[in-house]
């Protein structure tokens, strides 16, 4: 009788939905099929958001974009994303993980980034310039050598870290310490860790407020970026139907108050643009178009911000449930600029990495009734230590060796 009850119990657990929580085991289960569906949607969200917002990028600074200035979405626009740095830069990091493994050193990550051939701006450009000059990470992003530590760069490049780590925010934190430190410091790095954690949780959680609360646990609570997240969440709850009121509050505090402009590079600062990502995600009410348009209309980096907001939202929805207008014209053969990936190749690479990430975290791949499941351990994230870009800690005196410099193809002129 006991054996029958045990078999019945196991079958019951196995029949639970693909994204169910197995409380007794402290794991969450996600079928590989559902993982791929959501991961694909996350990439589509990024592509749609950046392609739709591209015509408005930095044309509206410290002002809300008028409704009549919002571009009209056309399905073919999605293929414009293949040439967007918002996507191909983070694929450099994916390639490093693919070629050198999940435990690749930060120094190898720096060498690979130094060897990238695309044009860069802001913190990315400063970090890469330092790397090519022999300043190895983590010093490549230290404010002593990099005057753009709080720029948006890693925030717009961290999507990959959550898309290959379903339910594992600690991996997004780890990748921030590995790739985010190539160009960002303090809030600039925390911004990417937060975005990565949003994606990681989006595989299991649809409630947008809970998503934000969960991701907030992945960054230092006393950072200004965490303060911004708490503010936007509180302002949204106070004015759930008036995103422009929250925009005004963000403007007053995070653009006009000098206390929140320290180590800031103006409108490219991660806090104000991160606020716009959250405004799109929260005020969008789960509607793809509304999410993208609000994040875009907030202005500043108005293609990156809807890209991040849509990427997270679309992950919660899944590719198979997206409106056709976002997927019908997608090219399966175009290659993302400066990468080795077409869309199908990108998806396959992410799946293979995700399998390794789950197992490395103490989870497993389980087969049941002809289907594969990712069994993901539930663990509270341990944020990075608090660092302030305007009052940084000491440098690490990190320099590339002559042997490492020989691997760097490009040098500063």
Protein backbone atom coordinates (compact mmCIF):
# COMPACT_ATOMS: atom_id res chain seq x y z
CA UNK A 1 0.00 0.00 0.00
CA UNK A 2 2.85 2.40 0.88
CA UNK A 3 4.49 1.69 -2.48
CA UNK A 4 1.23 2.49 -4.31
CA UNK A 5 0.89 5.77 -2.43
CA UNK A 6 4.50 6.67 -3.24
CA UNK A 7 4.02 5.96 -6.96
CA UNK A 8 0.79 7.96 -6.94
CA UNK A 9 2.56 10.88 -5.29
CA UNK A 10 5.43 10.80 -7.81
CA UNK A 11 3.01 10.73 -10.71
CA UNK A 12 1.13 13.66 -9.23
CA UNK A 13 4.33 15.69 -8.94
CA UNK A 14 5.24 14.78 -12.49
CA UNK A 15 1.85 15.96 -13.76
CA UNK A 16 2.19 19.43 -12.28
CA UNK A 17 2.47 22.25 -14.82
CA UNK A 18 5.81 22.87 -16.54
CA UNK A 19 6.63 25.96 -14.49
CA UNK A 20 5.44 24.65 -11.14
CA UNK A 21 7.09 25.06 -7.76
CA UNK A 22 8.02 21.87 -5.94
CA UNK A 23 8.09 23.28 -2.43
CA UNK A 24 9.16 20.08 -0.65
CA UNK A 25 12.26 19.80 -2.85
CA UNK A 26 12.90 23.58 -2.98
CA UNK A 27 13.06 23.36 -6.75
CA UNK A 28 11.06 24.69 -9.67
CA UNK A 29 10.34 22.67 -12.76
CA UNK A 30 10.28 24.03 -16.30
CA UNK A 31 10.00 21.90 -19.41
CA UNK A 32 12.76 22.43 -21.96
CA UNK A 33 10.04 23.12 -24.51
CA UNK A 34 8.57 25.88 -22.35
CA UNK A 35 12.03 27.22 -21.60
CA UNK A 36 12.81 27.56 -25.30
CA UNK A 37 9.44 29.18 -25.94
CA UNK A 38 10.01 31.83 -23.28
CA UNK A 39 13.68 32.36 -24.08
CA UNK A 40 12.86 32.91 -27.76
CA UNK A 41 10.22 35.43 -26.74
CA UNK A 42 12.77 37.28 -24.62
CA UNK A 43 15.00 37.78 -27.65
CA UNK A 44 12.03 38.79 -29.81
CA UNK A 45 11.03 41.36 -27.19
CA UNK A 46 14.47 42.90 -27.31
CA UNK A 47 14.42 42.96 -31.10
CA UNK A 48 10.96 44.51 -31.33
CA UNK A 49 11.64 47.11 -28.65
CA UNK A 50 14.91 48.34 -30.10
CA UNK A 51 13.73 48.33 -33.72
CA UNK A 52 10.50 50.15 -32.88
CA UNK A 53 12.19 52.77 -30.73
CA UNK A 54 15.29 53.29 -32.89
CA UNK A 55 13.98 56.33 -34.82
CA UNK A 56 13.46 58.19 -31.51
CA UNK A 57 16.76 57.36 -29.77
CA UNK A 58 18.05 60.40 -27.85
CA UNK A 59 15.93 62.76 -29.91
CA UNK A 60 13.81 63.55 -26.86
CA UNK A 61 15.85 64.37 -23.77
CA UNK A 62 14.17 65.31 -20.50
CA UNK A 63 10.80 65.40 -22.23
CA UNK A 64 8.01 62.97 -22.96
CA UNK A 65 7.78 61.96 -26.61
CA UNK A 66 4.50 63.28 -28.08
CA UNK A 67 2.10 60.50 -28.99
CA UNK A 68 2.07 61.53 -32.65
CA UNK A 69 5.87 61.10 -32.82
CA UNK A 70 5.72 57.40 -31.93
CA UNK A 71 6.63 55.33 -35.01
CA UNK A 72 4.08 52.89 -36.41
CA UNK A 73 5.10 49.25 -36.00
CA UNK A 74 5.44 47.21 -39.17
CA UNK A 75 6.29 43.48 -39.02
CA UNK A 76 9.34 43.82 -41.31
CA UNK A 77 10.94 46.24 -38.82
CA UNK A 78 12.01 43.35 -36.61
CA UNK A 79 14.85 42.53 -39.00
CA UNK A 80 16.35 45.97 -38.39
CA UNK A 81 17.40 44.59 -35.00
CA UNK A 82 20.06 42.37 -36.58
CA UNK A 83 22.26 45.47 -36.88
CA UNK A 84 21.62 46.88 -33.40
CA UNK A 85 24.38 47.09 -30.79
CA UNK A 86 21.71 46.57 -28.14
CA UNK A 87 21.79 42.93 -29.24
CA UNK A 88 25.12 42.06 -30.77
CA UNK A 89 27.29 43.35 -27.91
CA UNK A 90 25.75 40.94 -25.40
CA UNK A 91 26.23 38.13 -27.91
CA UNK A 92 29.98 38.70 -27.51
CA UNK A 93 29.51 37.55 -23.91
CA UNK A 94 27.43 34.56 -25.01
CA UNK A 95 30.18 33.59 -27.43
CA UNK A 96 32.79 33.78 -24.67
CA UNK A 97 30.67 31.47 -22.50
CA UNK A 98 30.11 29.13 -25.41
CA UNK A 99 33.80 28.90 -26.31
CA UNK A 100 35.44 29.04 -22.88
CA UNK A 101 32.78 27.64 -20.55
CA UNK A 102 30.73 29.05 -17.69
CA UNK A 103 33.78 29.43 -15.46
CA UNK A 104 35.71 31.53 -17.96
CA UNK A 105 37.97 34.03 -16.22
CA UNK A 106 37.20 37.72 -16.19
CA UNK A 107 40.58 38.26 -17.88
CA UNK A 108 39.61 36.07 -20.84
CA UNK A 109 36.27 37.88 -20.98
CA UNK A 110 38.22 41.12 -21.16
CA UNK A 111 40.45 39.84 -23.97
CA UNK A 112 37.41 38.77 -26.00
CA UNK A 113 35.73 42.15 -25.48
CA UNK A 114 38.96 43.95 -26.41
CA UNK A 115 38.97 42.00 -29.67
CA UNK A 116 35.45 43.06 -30.65
CA UNK A 117 35.39 45.10 -33.86
CA UNK A 118 32.13 47.05 -33.58
CA UNK A 119 31.86 50.73 -32.75
CA UNK A 120 31.16 51.53 -29.09
CA UNK A 121 30.15 54.51 -27.00
CA UNK A 122 30.13 55.64 -23.37
CA UNK A 123 31.19 53.10 -20.72
CA UNK A 124 31.65 50.37 -23.33
CA UNK A 125 34.08 52.47 -25.33
CA UNK A 126 36.00 53.57 -22.23
CA UNK A 127 36.22 50.04 -20.88
CA UNK A 128 37.40 48.56 -24.17
CA UNK A 129 39.95 51.33 -24.61
CA UNK A 130 41.36 50.50 -21.19
CA UNK A 131 41.49 46.79 -22.01
CA UNK A 132 43.34 47.45 -25.25
CA UNK A 133 45.79 49.61 -23.31
CA UNK A 134 46.58 46.69 -21.02
CA UNK A 135 44.41 47.73 -18.06
CA UNK A 136 42.88 44.38 -17.15
CA UNK A 137 39.53 43.93 -15.42
CA UNK A 138 38.30 44.81 -12.90
CA UNK A 139 40.32 48.02 -13.27
CA UNK A 140 39.02 48.58 -16.81
CA UNK A 141 35.77 49.86 -15.28
CA UNK A 142 37.14 51.52 -12.17
CA UNK A 143 36.26 55.23 -11.95
CA UNK A 144 39.97 56.09 -11.79
CA UNK A 145 40.28 54.88 -15.38
CA UNK A 146 36.68 55.05 -16.62
CA UNK A 147 34.74 58.31 -16.37
CA UNK A 148 31.43 56.68 -17.35
CA UNK A 149 30.95 54.04 -14.59
CA UNK A 150 27.20 54.60 -14.15
CA UNK A 151 26.28 54.66 -17.82
CA UNK A 152 23.55 52.40 -19.18
CA UNK A 153 25.88 50.04 -21.08
CA UNK A 154 25.72 46.81 -19.08
CA UNK A 155 22.05 47.42 -18.34
CA UNK A 156 21.28 47.03 -22.04
CA UNK A 157 23.62 44.05 -22.44
CA UNK A 158 22.68 41.88 -19.46
CA UNK A 159 19.56 40.25 -20.94
CA UNK A 160 21.55 37.14 -21.91
CA UNK A 161 22.47 36.50 -18.25
CA UNK A 162 18.86 35.88 -17.27
CA UNK A 163 17.77 34.25 -20.51
CA UNK A 164 20.23 31.39 -19.97
CA UNK A 165 19.55 31.14 -16.23
CA UNK A 166 15.83 30.46 -15.67
CA UNK A 167 15.01 30.98 -11.99
CA UNK A 168 18.70 31.53 -11.12
CA UNK A 169 19.33 35.21 -10.30
CA UNK A 170 22.68 34.35 -8.73
CA UNK A 171 24.01 33.54 -12.17
CA UNK A 172 22.99 37.02 -13.37
CA UNK A 173 24.87 38.47 -10.40
CA UNK A 174 27.94 36.37 -11.25
CA UNK A 175 27.85 37.43 -14.90
CA UNK A 176 27.66 41.05 -13.81
CA UNK A 177 30.85 40.53 -11.84
CA UNK A 178 32.45 38.94 -14.90
CA UNK A 179 31.19 40.88 -17.92
CA UNK A 180 29.59 43.96 -16.33
CA UNK A 181 32.89 44.83 -14.68
CA UNK A 182 34.56 45.15 -18.05
CA UNK A 183 32.93 48.56 -18.47
CA UNK A 184 30.70 49.46 -15.48
CA UNK A 185 31.10 49.99 -11.74
CA UNK A 186 28.67 50.41 -8.84
CA UNK A 187 25.17 51.29 -10.01
CA UNK A 188 26.23 50.71 -13.61
CA UNK A 189 26.94 47.07 -12.84
CA UNK A 190 23.98 46.63 -10.48
CA UNK A 191 21.68 47.85 -13.27
CA UNK A 192 22.65 44.88 -15.43
CA UNK A 193 22.43 42.44 -12.53
CA UNK A 194 18.91 43.70 -11.86
CA UNK A 195 17.86 43.31 -15.48
CA UNK A 196 19.35 39.81 -15.60
CA UNK A 197 17.46 38.88 -12.44
CA UNK A 198 14.22 40.18 -13.97
CA UNK A 199 14.64 37.84 -16.92
CA UNK A 200 15.59 34.89 -14.71
CA UNK A 201 12.38 35.24 -12.70
CA UNK A 202 10.23 35.94 -15.79
CA UNK A 203 10.36 32.23 -16.64
CA UNK A 204 8.28 31.49 -13.54
CA UNK A 205 6.44 34.68 -12.58
CA UNK A 206 3.94 36.74 -14.59
CA UNK A 207 2.98 39.29 -11.92
CA UNK A 208 5.01 42.36 -12.86
CA UNK A 209 5.21 43.82 -9.35
CA UNK A 210 6.44 40.51 -7.94
CA UNK A 211 9.00 40.33 -10.75
CA UNK A 212 10.40 43.70 -9.75
CA UNK A 213 10.39 42.87 -6.03
CA UNK A 214 12.21 39.60 -6.66
CA UNK A 215 14.85 41.13 -8.93
CA UNK A 216 15.44 43.88 -6.38
CA UNK A 217 16.84 41.24 -4.02
CA UNK A 218 19.72 40.68 -6.44
CA UNK A 219 21.37 44.09 -5.93
CA UNK A 220 22.66 45.98 -2.87
CA UNK A 221 19.72 47.51 -1.00
CA UNK A 222 21.63 50.72 -0.19
CA UNK A 223 22.61 51.47 -3.79
CA UNK A 224 20.97 54.39 -5.56
CA UNK A 225 19.79 52.02 -8.26
CA UNK A 226 17.88 49.96 -5.68
CA UNK A 227 16.46 53.19 -4.28
CA UNK A 228 15.23 54.09 -7.77
CA UNK A 229 13.54 50.70 -8.15
CA UNK A 230 11.76 51.10 -4.80
CA UNK A 231 10.70 54.62 -5.76
CA UNK A 232 9.23 53.65 -9.13
CA UNK A 233 7.38 50.72 -7.58
CA UNK A 234 5.94 52.95 -4.85
CA UNK A 235 5.02 55.74 -7.29
CA UNK A 236 3.34 53.22 -9.57
CA UNK A 237 1.26 51.88 -6.68
CA UNK A 238 0.30 55.42 -5.69
CA UNK A 239 -0.62 56.44 -9.26
CA UNK A 240 -1.32 53.19 -11.18
CA UNK A 241 -3.17 55.01 -13.96
CA UNK A 242 -0.89 58.00 -14.49
CA UNK A 243 2.56 57.12 -15.80
CA UNK A 244 3.29 60.74 -16.65
CA UNK A 245 3.04 61.64 -12.96
CA UNK A 246 5.68 59.04 -12.17
CA UNK A 247 7.79 60.34 -15.06
CA UNK A 248 7.70 63.81 -13.49
CA UNK A 249 8.75 62.41 -10.11
CA UNK A 250 11.64 60.55 -11.74
CA UNK A 251 12.69 63.71 -13.54
CA UNK A 252 12.70 65.78 -10.38
CA UNK A 253 14.71 63.29 -8.31
CA UNK A 254 16.89 61.38 -10.74
CA UNK A 255 17.64 64.14 -13.24
CA UNK A 256 17.40 67.42 -11.34
CA UNK A 257 18.67 66.52 -7.86
CA UNK A 258 22.51 66.76 -7.81
CA UNK A 259 22.64 64.00 -5.20
CA UNK A 260 21.57 61.54 -7.90
CA UNK A 261 23.79 62.94 -10.63
CA UNK A 262 27.09 62.04 -8.99
CA UNK A 263 29.30 60.07 -11.39
CA UNK A 264 26.50 60.50 -13.91
CA UNK A 265 26.96 61.09 -17.62
CA UNK A 266 23.70 62.97 -18.14
CA UNK A 267 20.79 61.26 -19.87
CA UNK A 268 22.73 58.04 -20.44
CA UNK A 269 22.80 57.36 -16.68
CA UNK A 270 21.54 53.88 -15.78
CA UNK A 271 19.14 55.05 -13.04
CA UNK A 272 16.91 57.31 -15.12
CA UNK A 273 16.85 54.90 -18.04
CA UNK A 274 16.26 51.98 -15.69
CA UNK A 275 13.29 53.89 -14.29
CA UNK A 276 11.86 54.15 -17.80
CA UNK A 277 12.26 50.40 -18.30
CA UNK A 278 10.28 49.80 -15.12
CA UNK A 279 7.62 52.33 -16.06
CA UNK A 280 7.02 50.52 -19.34
CA UNK A 281 6.91 47.15 -17.61
CA UNK A 282 4.59 48.26 -14.79
CA UNK A 283 2.30 50.74 -16.51
CA UNK A 284 2.12 48.60 -19.63
CA UNK A 285 -0.26 46.31 -17.73
CA UNK A 286 1.02 43.26 -19.57
CA UNK A 287 0.13 44.64 -23.01
CA UNK A 288 3.11 44.39 -25.42
CA UNK A 289 2.35 47.55 -27.41
CA UNK A 290 1.58 49.67 -24.36
CA UNK A 291 4.71 48.44 -22.57
CA UNK A 292 6.97 49.38 -25.48
CA UNK A 293 5.29 52.70 -26.20
CA UNK A 294 5.43 53.94 -22.59
CA UNK A 295 9.09 52.96 -22.18
CA UNK A 296 9.81 54.67 -25.49
CA UNK A 297 7.82 57.83 -24.78
CA UNK A 298 9.78 58.41 -21.57
CA UNK A 299 12.61 59.56 -23.84
CA UNK A 300 16.41 59.52 -23.45
CA UNK A 301 17.71 56.10 -24.61
CA UNK A 302 14.32 55.35 -26.09
CA UNK A 303 15.24 52.25 -28.06
CA UNK A 304 17.25 50.46 -25.36
CA UNK A 305 14.61 51.01 -22.69
CA UNK A 306 11.64 49.50 -24.58
CA UNK A 307 13.97 46.70 -25.65
CA UNK A 308 14.63 45.75 -22.02
CA UNK A 309 11.00 46.19 -20.94
CA UNK A 310 9.65 44.17 -23.85
CA UNK A 311 12.31 41.50 -23.45
CA UNK A 312 11.22 40.80 -19.88
CA UNK A 313 7.50 41.01 -20.64
CA UNK A 314 7.73 38.79 -23.72
CA UNK A 315 9.62 36.20 -21.66
CA UNK A 316 6.61 35.95 -19.35
CA UNK A 317 4.34 35.48 -22.37
CA UNK A 318 6.27 32.99 -24.52
CA UNK A 319 6.97 32.98 -28.25
CA UNK A 320 4.00 30.78 -29.15
CA UNK A 321 1.61 33.29 -27.56
CA UNK A 322 3.02 36.48 -29.04
CA UNK A 323 0.97 38.47 -31.57
CA UNK A 324 1.92 37.45 -35.11
CA UNK A 325 2.84 41.01 -36.06
CA UNK A 326 5.98 40.61 -33.95
CA UNK A 327 7.16 37.31 -35.42
CA UNK A 328 5.69 36.84 -38.90
CA UNK A 329 8.49 38.64 -40.79
CA UNK A 330 11.42 37.43 -38.68
CA UNK A 331 14.34 36.24 -40.80
CA UNK A 332 15.69 32.83 -39.88
CA UNK A 333 18.84 33.28 -41.96
CA UNK A 334 20.03 36.82 -41.19
CA UNK A 335 23.13 36.93 -39.01
CA UNK A 336 23.34 39.39 -36.13
CA UNK A 337 26.09 41.88 -36.95
CA UNK A 338 29.54 41.01 -35.63
CA UNK A 339 28.36 37.59 -34.41
CA UNK A 340 28.18 33.98 -35.58
CA UNK A 341 24.46 33.74 -34.79
CA UNK A 342 21.30 33.59 -36.82
CA UNK A 343 18.13 33.58 -34.72
CA UNK A 344 17.85 29.75 -34.70
CA UNK A 345 21.55 29.42 -33.86
CA UNK A 346 21.17 31.95 -31.05
CA UNK A 347 18.28 29.99 -29.57
CA UNK A 348 20.14 26.68 -29.75
CA UNK A 349 23.22 28.20 -28.11
CA UNK A 350 21.14 29.64 -25.28
CA UNK A 351 19.46 26.29 -24.65
CA UNK A 352 22.79 24.48 -24.45
CA UNK A 353 24.17 27.09 -22.06
CA UNK A 354 21.00 27.04 -19.95
CA UNK A 355 21.29 23.28 -19.46
CA UNK A 356 24.83 23.78 -18.16
CA UNK A 357 23.83 26.70 -15.94
CA UNK A 358 21.04 24.70 -14.27
CA UNK A 359 23.26 21.68 -13.61
CA UNK A 360 26.11 23.89 -12.39
CA UNK A 361 23.70 25.50 -9.91
CA UNK A 362 22.84 22.13 -8.41
CA UNK A 363 19.78 21.41 -10.56
CA UNK A 364 19.30 18.65 -13.09
CA UNK A 365 17.76 17.71 -16.41
CA UNK A 366 14.92 15.26 -15.84
CA UNK A 367 13.01 13.15 -18.35
CA UNK A 368 9.38 12.27 -17.77
CA UNK A 369 6.83 10.80 -20.12
CA UNK A 370 8.95 11.67 -23.14
CA UNK A 371 9.60 15.28 -22.12
CA UNK A 372 12.66 16.95 -20.65
CA UNK A 373 12.45 19.27 -17.66
CA UNK A 374 14.86 21.70 -16.11
CA UNK A 375 14.72 21.14 -12.35
CA UNK A 376 15.91 24.45 -10.93
CA UNK A 377 16.99 24.90 -7.30
CA UNK A 378 15.40 27.79 -5.41
CA UNK A 379 18.04 29.90 -3.69
CA UNK A 380 18.02 33.45 -2.39
CA UNK A 381 20.46 35.66 -4.31
CA UNK A 382 23.57 37.06 -2.65
CA UNK A 383 24.13 40.56 -4.06
CA UNK A 384 27.52 42.01 -4.89
CA UNK A 385 29.11 44.28 -2.30
CA UNK A 386 28.08 47.92 -2.25
CA UNK A 387 30.38 50.20 -4.24
CA UNK A 388 29.86 53.88 -4.97
CA UNK A 389 31.09 55.23 -8.27
CA UNK A 390 31.62 58.70 -6.78
CA UNK A 391 33.58 57.26 -3.83
CA UNK A 392 35.20 54.12 -5.22
CA UNK A 393 37.36 51.61 -3.45
CA UNK A 394 41.01 51.09 -4.34
CA UNK A 395 42.10 49.86 -7.73
CA UNK A 396 43.27 46.27 -8.11
CA UNK A 397 46.46 47.23 -9.99
CA UNK A 398 45.41 44.68 -12.59
CA UNK A 399 47.37 44.60 -15.85
CA UNK A 400 47.45 42.12 -18.70
CA UNK A 401 50.62 40.08 -18.99
CA UNK A 402 52.69 40.25 -22.19
CA UNK A 403 51.27 36.84 -23.12
CA UNK A 404 47.72 38.13 -22.67
CA UNK A 405 48.46 41.31 -24.61
CA UNK A 406 49.66 39.14 -27.48
CA UNK A 407 46.11 37.78 -27.71
CA UNK A 408 44.62 41.26 -28.15
CA UNK A 409 44.40 42.07 -31.85
CA UNK A 410 43.66 45.75 -31.52
CA UNK A 411 45.67 48.38 -29.70
CA UNK A 412 44.88 51.99 -29.00
CA UNK A 413 46.25 54.38 -31.57
